[in-house]
Amino acid sequence: MSRIALMGSGAWGTALALSLASGSRHDITLWSHSTEVSETIIGRRENSAFLPGFPIPENIRATSNIEVALSSAEIVVSVMPSHHVRASYEQFAPFLNSDQLLVSATKGIEDETFLRMSEVIVETLGKFELDLSVGVLSGPSFAQEVAAGSPTAITIASHDAELAARVQREFGSQSLRLYTNDDVVGVELGGALKNVIAIAAGIVSGLGLGHNSAAALITRGIAETTRLAVACGGHSETLAGLSGIGDLVLTCTGSLSRNRTVGIELGKGRKLAEILAGLHGKVAEGVRTTAAALGLARQHHVEMPITEQVAAILHADKPPLEAMRELMSRPGRDE
């Protein structure tokens, strides 16, 4: 039995906790930044704010106390939104030790620094002279379906083969299958960049442009995602796997995708602020990731035309139909 702390009680963190609890093999703690959320989970045995409808068993301990969550944990999984990762690990650091394994299940790129989440974690803990093994958990996985026990396959990537093997063993179940990978860059960027392409796919749907347009958008989306990942040191094969095209297809086509939903509403003419307010505190990571992805692309001299148009729609109020027309009028090229 492993002692596992899930640091973040949003839909994905709660779903992972439920998956881990299903076999009663682990001592599980679900930490929330919000005392109100943790108290609701304790009192109602349900995360009504972020994952309603799924009873939380007694073998999941909910808390908003960082020390309680981390002090005895063997595996620490961070599942908070990307823009909270650095500040969260600054708070976590006093309660971490070198024997623990860290797993990042957050998909995103940090604003301004353009660092991947595992890089943010390593940099932050380095200031506290902490050197812990870090892995990255990513792949096509809607939280609601994982919580319901629907068969799901994801990837655990790490330069530490022992960490990857242990997480694969401990997290795997009849409904959750994990594949190991040592390409942390490819897995992380695949998981982050697909959210941007999903916004674009949603815009195509919201504009009513049809299946041909959606297929073209998704295909060219994986092309530009792969270009950037490879330029950053990732492998093209990774982007053809679960954490690349698998996650991209799910997020671009699935009705449970918040990023696709944002895109659909933009395509219908609604304003971004109004759309985000309607998410009621839930996060569409692609909105933040878009600008950071372009910053990273500029650093590596990589062209990302879809991401550029999504950024113009999100942050410069560009009409979505105009953006799609500009993509279609780009000069011809070889595939």
Protein backbone atom coordinates (compact mmCIF):
# COMPACT_ATOMS: atom_id res chain seq x y z
CA MET A 1 0.00 0.00 0.00
CA SER A 2 1.29 3.46 -0.93
CA ARG A 3 0.52 6.75 0.74
CA ILE A 4 -0.52 9.14 -2.04
CA ALA A 5 -1.35 12.84 -1.78
CA LEU A 6 -3.41 14.48 -4.54
CA MET A 7 -2.61 18.19 -4.32
CA GLY A 8 -5.60 19.83 -5.96
CA SER A 9 -9.28 18.99 -5.61
CA GLY A 10 -10.60 20.04 -9.00
CA ALA A 11 -12.33 17.56 -11.27
CA TRP A 12 -9.12 15.83 -12.40
CA GLY A 13 -7.58 15.56 -8.94
CA THR A 14 -10.82 14.18 -7.53
CA ALA A 15 -11.17 11.70 -10.41
CA LEU A 16 -7.63 10.42 -9.85
CA ALA A 17 -8.35 10.03 -6.15
CA LEU A 18 -11.49 8.02 -6.95
CA SER A 19 -9.58 5.83 -9.38
CA LEU A 20 -6.85 5.14 -6.82
CA ALA A 21 -9.43 4.44 -4.13
CA SER A 22 -11.36 1.90 -6.18
CA GLY A 23 -9.11 -1.00 -5.21
CA SER A 24 -8.63 0.12 -1.58
CA ARG A 25 -4.90 -0.46 -2.02
CA HIS A 26 -3.75 2.99 -0.99
CA ASP A 27 -3.85 5.58 1.75
CA ILE A 28 -5.16 8.59 -0.17
CA THR A 29 -5.31 12.26 0.79
CA LEU A 30 -7.08 14.84 -1.36
CA TRP A 31 -5.83 18.33 -0.60
CA SER A 32 -7.78 21.45 -1.47
CA HIS A 33 -6.60 25.05 -1.46
CA SER A 34 -10.13 25.92 -0.35
CA THR A 35 -11.20 25.03 3.18
CA GLU A 36 -14.81 25.28 2.02
CA VAL A 37 -14.29 22.63 -0.67
CA SER A 38 -12.50 20.23 1.67
CA GLU A 39 -15.16 20.66 4.36
CA THR A 40 -17.89 20.02 1.78
CA ILE A 41 -16.15 16.81 0.70
CA ILE A 42 -15.85 15.71 4.33
CA GLY A 43 -19.45 16.57 5.15
CA ARG A 44 -21.24 15.44 1.98
CA ARG A 45 -18.73 12.86 0.70
CA GLU A 46 -18.98 14.54 -2.71
CA ASN A 47 -17.05 17.25 -4.49
CA SER A 48 -20.17 19.17 -5.47
CA ALA A 49 -18.15 22.16 -6.70
CA PHE A 50 -16.01 20.41 -9.29
CA LEU A 51 -17.13 16.80 -9.77
CA PRO A 52 -20.73 16.43 -8.63
CA GLY A 53 -22.52 13.11 -8.77
CA PHE A 54 -19.62 10.91 -7.70
CA PRO A 55 -19.64 9.68 -4.07
CA ILE A 56 -16.26 9.97 -2.37
CA PRO A 57 -15.48 6.89 -0.25
CA GLU A 58 -14.25 7.09 3.31
CA ASN A 59 -10.76 5.87 2.36
CA ILE A 60 -10.12 9.25 0.71
CA ARG A 61 -9.15 11.76 3.37
CA ALA A 62 -9.92 15.39 2.47
CA THR A 63 -7.97 18.28 3.96
CA SER A 64 -6.91 21.87 3.31
CA ASN A 65 -3.86 21.48 5.58
CA ILE A 66 -0.67 21.17 3.52
CA GLU A 67 1.34 19.55 6.30
CA VAL A 68 -1.33 16.91 6.92
CA ALA A 69 -1.46 16.11 3.20
CA LEU A 70 2.29 15.90 2.60
CA SER A 71 4.00 14.85 5.82
CA SER A 72 3.62 11.09 5.33
CA ALA A 73 3.05 10.92 1.56
CA GLU A 74 5.27 8.68 -0.56
CA ILE A 75 3.89 9.90 -3.90
CA VAL A 76 2.77 13.50 -4.37
CA VAL A 77 0.58 14.29 -7.39
CA SER A 78 0.07 17.96 -8.22
CA VAL A 79 -3.24 18.64 -9.99
CA MET A 80 -3.75 22.38 -9.54
CA PRO A 81 -4.21 24.84 -12.45
CA SER A 82 -0.96 25.74 -14.20
CA HIS A 83 -0.89 29.35 -12.99
CA HIS A 84 -0.90 28.15 -9.36
CA VAL A 85 1.93 25.60 -9.64
CA ARG A 86 4.87 27.84 -8.70
CA ALA A 87 3.17 29.46 -5.71
CA SER A 88 1.82 26.08 -4.56
CA TYR A 89 5.23 24.43 -4.54
CA GLU A 90 6.68 27.34 -2.61
CA GLN A 91 4.10 26.47 0.05
CA PHE A 92 4.68 22.72 -0.28
CA ALA A 93 8.49 22.85 -0.06
CA PRO A 94 8.83 22.94 3.77
CA PHE A 95 6.84 19.69 4.00
CA LEU A 96 8.56 17.75 1.20
CA ASN A 97 11.53 15.40 1.58
CA SER A 98 13.99 13.74 -0.79
CA ASP A 99 12.39 10.29 -0.41
CA GLN A 100 9.13 11.38 -2.04
CA LEU A 101 8.21 11.00 -5.70
CA LEU A 102 6.53 13.91 -7.47
CA VAL A 103 4.05 13.55 -10.32
CA SER A 104 2.75 16.54 -12.25
CA ALA A 105 -0.74 16.02 -13.68
CA THR A 106 -1.15 19.68 -14.67
CA LYS A 107 -1.25 20.57 -18.38
CA GLY A 108 0.07 23.98 -19.28
CA ILE A 109 3.01 26.32 -19.91
CA GLU A 110 3.89 29.05 -17.43
CA ASP A 111 3.25 32.65 -18.43
CA GLU A 112 6.33 34.81 -19.06
CA THR A 113 8.93 32.08 -18.32
CA PHE A 114 7.43 29.65 -20.90
CA LEU A 115 8.49 26.75 -18.69
CA ARG A 116 6.76 23.37 -18.65
CA MET A 117 5.16 22.39 -15.35
CA SER A 118 7.89 19.92 -14.40
CA GLU A 119 10.47 22.65 -15.05
CA VAL A 120 8.54 25.05 -12.82
CA ILE A 121 8.50 22.43 -10.05
CA VAL A 122 12.22 21.66 -10.32
CA GLU A 123 13.16 25.36 -10.44
CA THR A 124 10.97 26.21 -7.46
CA LEU A 125 12.18 23.35 -5.28
CA GLY A 126 15.79 24.12 -6.23
CA LYS A 127 15.48 27.37 -4.30
CA PHE A 128 14.82 25.23 -1.22
CA GLU A 129 17.73 22.88 -2.06
CA LEU A 130 15.30 20.03 -2.72
CA ASP A 131 16.09 17.51 -5.45
CA LEU A 132 13.16 15.13 -5.97
CA SER A 133 12.36 12.80 -8.86
CA VAL A 134 9.58 14.21 -11.03
CA GLY A 135 7.24 12.49 -13.46
CA VAL A 136 4.51 13.77 -15.76
CA LEU A 137 1.05 12.21 -16.08
CA SER A 138 -0.80 13.02 -19.30
CA GLY A 139 -3.04 11.59 -21.98
CA PRO A 140 -6.66 11.48 -23.20
CA SER A 141 -8.67 11.52 -20.00
CA PHE A 142 -11.88 13.35 -19.19
CA ALA A 143 -12.24 13.48 -15.40
CA GLN A 144 -15.88 12.42 -15.42
CA GLU A 145 -15.11 9.26 -17.36
CA VAL A 146 -12.15 8.31 -15.18
CA ALA A 147 -14.33 8.85 -12.09
CA ALA A 148 -17.01 6.62 -13.63
CA GLY A 149 -14.48 3.85 -14.24
CA SER A 150 -14.56 4.04 -18.04
CA PRO A 151 -11.50 2.34 -19.61
CA THR A 152 -8.79 4.98 -20.03
CA ALA A 153 -5.14 4.88 -21.14
CA ILE A 154 -2.62 7.58 -20.21
CA THR A 155 1.15 8.07 -20.05
CA ILE A 156 3.58 8.48 -17.16
CA ALA A 157 6.79 10.09 -18.37
CA SER A 158 9.97 10.53 -16.37
CA HIS A 159 13.73 10.48 -16.74
CA ASP A 160 13.63 8.30 -13.61
CA ALA A 161 12.66 4.83 -14.85
CA GLU A 162 11.94 3.61 -11.32
CA LEU A 163 9.47 6.43 -10.73
CA ALA A 164 7.66 5.70 -13.99
CA ALA A 165 7.50 1.98 -13.23
CA ARG A 166 6.17 2.54 -9.71
CA VAL A 167 3.48 4.99 -10.81
CA GLN A 168 2.49 2.61 -13.60
CA ARG A 169 2.16 -0.19 -11.06
CA GLU A 170 0.43 1.78 -8.31
CA PHE A 171 -1.99 3.79 -10.46
CA GLY A 172 -2.93 1.07 -12.91
CA SER A 173 -6.25 -0.72 -12.50
CA GLN A 174 -8.89 -2.54 -14.54
CA SER A 175 -10.13 0.82 -15.78
CA LEU A 176 -6.90 2.89 -15.90
CA ARG A 177 -3.94 1.70 -17.98
CA LEU A 178 -0.61 3.54 -17.86
CA TYR A 179 2.19 3.45 -20.42
CA THR A 180 5.70 4.59 -19.49
CA ASN A 181 7.79 7.02 -21.51
CA ASP A 182 11.09 8.83 -20.97
CA ASP A 183 10.20 11.76 -23.26
CA VAL A 184 9.09 14.26 -20.63
CA VAL A 185 9.27 17.18 -23.07
CA GLY A 186 7.06 15.55 -25.69
CA VAL A 187 4.50 14.27 -23.21
CA GLU A 188 4.24 17.59 -21.40
CA LEU A 189 4.01 19.76 -24.50
CA GLY A 190 1.53 17.41 -26.13
CA GLY A 191 -0.73 17.74 -23.11
CA ALA A 192 -0.40 21.52 -22.97
CA LEU A 193 -0.63 22.47 -26.64
CA LYS A 194 -3.63 20.29 -27.47
CA ASN A 195 -5.76 22.66 -25.38
CA VAL A 196 -4.95 25.51 -27.76
CA ILE A 197 -5.88 23.44 -30.81
CA ALA A 198 -9.08 22.37 -29.04
CA ILE A 199 -10.14 26.01 -28.76
CA ALA A 200 -9.59 26.33 -32.51
CA ALA A 201 -11.58 23.15 -33.15
CA GLY A 202 -14.39 24.54 -31.04
CA ILE A 203 -14.35 27.76 -33.04
CA VAL A 204 -14.71 25.74 -36.25
CA SER A 205 -17.73 24.01 -34.73
CA GLY A 206 -19.23 27.25 -33.42
CA LEU A 207 -18.91 28.80 -36.87
CA GLY A 208 -20.70 25.80 -38.38
CA LEU A 209 -17.88 25.12 -40.84
CA GLY A 210 -18.39 21.35 -40.97
CA HIS A 211 -16.41 18.14 -40.56
CA ASN A 212 -13.94 18.79 -43.39
CA SER A 213 -12.76 21.95 -41.67
CA ALA A 214 -12.51 20.21 -38.29
CA ALA A 215 -10.44 17.35 -39.74
CA ALA A 216 -8.07 19.77 -41.45
CA LEU A 217 -7.72 21.85 -38.30
CA ILE A 218 -6.94 18.86 -36.07
CA THR A 219 -4.45 17.41 -38.56
CA ARG A 220 -2.56 20.64 -39.01
CA GLY A 221 -2.80 21.20 -35.28
CA ILE A 222 -0.84 18.04 -34.53
CA ALA A 223 1.68 19.16 -37.15
CA GLU A 224 2.44 22.47 -35.45
CA THR A 225 2.32 20.91 -31.98
CA THR A 226 4.89 18.34 -33.11
CA ARG A 227 7.11 21.03 -34.64
CA LEU A 228 7.36 22.87 -31.36
CA ALA A 229 7.79 19.75 -29.23
CA VAL A 230 10.63 18.49 -31.43
CA ALA A 231 12.30 21.93 -31.44
CA CYS A 232 12.23 21.80 -27.63
CA GLY A 233 13.85 18.37 -27.53
CA GLY A 234 10.83 16.05 -27.66
CA HIS A 235 10.33 13.12 -30.01
CA SER A 236 7.88 13.12 -32.90
CA GLU A 237 6.87 9.54 -32.00
CA THR A 238 5.57 10.78 -28.65
CA LEU A 239 3.25 13.24 -30.36
CA ALA A 240 1.81 10.32 -32.38
CA GLY A 241 0.88 8.56 -29.12
CA LEU A 242 -1.54 8.92 -26.23
CA SER A 243 -0.22 12.23 -24.93
CA GLY A 244 -0.10 13.72 -28.43
CA ILE A 245 -2.69 12.83 -31.04
CA GLY A 246 -4.71 10.77 -28.54
CA ASP A 247 -5.24 13.69 -26.19
CA LEU A 248 -5.65 16.10 -29.10
CA VAL A 249 -8.46 14.12 -30.73
CA LEU A 250 -10.28 13.70 -27.43
CA THR A 251 -10.09 17.37 -26.51
CA CYS A 252 -10.94 18.61 -30.00
CA THR A 253 -14.00 16.39 -30.44
CA GLY A 254 -15.34 15.51 -26.98
CA SER A 255 -18.34 17.35 -25.58
CA LEU A 256 -16.80 17.33 -22.09
CA SER A 257 -13.84 19.47 -23.22
CA ARG A 258 -13.87 22.90 -21.59
CA ASN A 259 -11.39 24.25 -24.15
CA ARG A 260 -13.53 23.09 -27.06
CA THR A 261 -16.57 24.60 -25.32
CA VAL A 262 -14.80 27.97 -25.04
CA GLY A 263 -14.03 27.79 -28.75
CA ILE A 264 -17.60 26.92 -29.69
CA GLU A 265 -18.92 29.93 -27.82
CA LEU A 266 -16.30 32.21 -29.38
CA GLY A 267 -17.34 30.93 -32.79
CA LYS A 268 -20.93 31.83 -31.95
CA GLY A 269 -19.87 35.40 -31.25
CA ARG A 270 -19.79 35.49 -27.45
CA LYS A 271 -17.06 37.42 -25.64
CA LEU A 272 -14.27 35.61 -23.79
CA ALA A 273 -14.91 37.19 -20.38
CA GLU A 274 -18.55 36.14 -20.49
CA ILE A 275 -17.63 32.60 -21.53
CA LEU A 276 -15.04 32.18 -18.76
CA ALA A 277 -17.47 33.51 -16.15
CA GLY A 278 -19.86 30.78 -17.21
CA LEU A 279 -17.29 28.11 -16.28
CA HIS A 280 -17.95 28.90 -12.59
CA GLY A 281 -14.36 28.64 -11.42
CA LYS A 282 -13.35 25.74 -13.65
CA VAL A 283 -10.31 26.31 -15.85
CA ALA A 284 -9.89 26.11 -19.62
CA GLU A 285 -6.09 25.85 -19.66
CA GLY A 286 -5.81 26.64 -23.36
CA VAL A 287 -6.76 30.27 -22.78
CA ARG A 288 -3.60 30.90 -20.77
CA THR A 289 -1.44 28.43 -22.67
CA THR A 290 -1.97 30.12 -26.04
CA ALA A 291 0.18 33.18 -25.30
CA ALA A 292 2.82 31.10 -23.51
CA ALA A 293 2.97 28.65 -26.42
CA LEU A 294 3.65 31.50 -28.83
CA GLY A 295 6.38 32.81 -26.54
CA LEU A 296 8.00 29.39 -26.49
CA ALA A 297 7.63 29.11 -30.28
CA ARG A 298 9.38 32.46 -30.76
CA GLN A 299 12.27 31.28 -28.60
CA HIS A 300 12.72 28.27 -30.88
CA HIS A 301 11.84 30.01 -34.17
CA VAL A 302 8.85 27.72 -34.80
CA GLU A 303 5.89 28.77 -36.92
CA MET A 304 2.47 28.10 -35.30
CA PRO A 305 -0.23 29.65 -37.51
CA ILE A 306 -3.23 28.07 -35.77
CA THR A 307 -2.00 29.13 -32.35
CA GLU A 308 -1.36 32.65 -33.67
CA GLN A 309 -4.94 32.97 -34.89
CA VAL A 310 -6.35 31.58 -31.63
CA ALA A 311 -4.29 34.18 -29.74
CA ALA A 312 -5.66 36.95 -31.95
CA ILE A 313 -9.23 35.80 -31.30
CA LEU A 314 -8.69 35.44 -27.54
CA HIS A 315 -6.62 38.51 -26.83
CA ALA A 316 -7.12 40.93 -29.74
CA ASP A 317 -10.84 40.41 -30.31
CA LYS A 318 -10.27 39.22 -33.88
CA PRO A 319 -13.45 37.94 -35.58
CA PRO A 320 -13.23 34.12 -35.66
CA LEU A 321 -14.39 33.84 -39.27
CA GLU A 322 -11.69 36.27 -40.37
CA ALA A 323 -9.09 34.18 -38.55
CA MET A 324 -10.25 31.00 -40.28
CA ARG A 325 -10.16 32.72 -43.68
CA GLU A 326 -6.59 33.84 -43.08
CA LEU A 327 -5.56 30.28 -42.26
CA MET A 328 -7.11 29.06 -45.51
CA SER A 329 -5.43 31.80 -47.59
CA ARG A 330 -1.90 31.00 -46.41
CA PRO A 331 0.58 30.20 -49.23
CA GLY A 332 0.56 26.57 -50.39
CA ARG A 333 3.26 24.21 -49.12
CA ASP A 334 4.30 20.57 -49.06
CA GLU A 335 2.83 18.39 -46.34
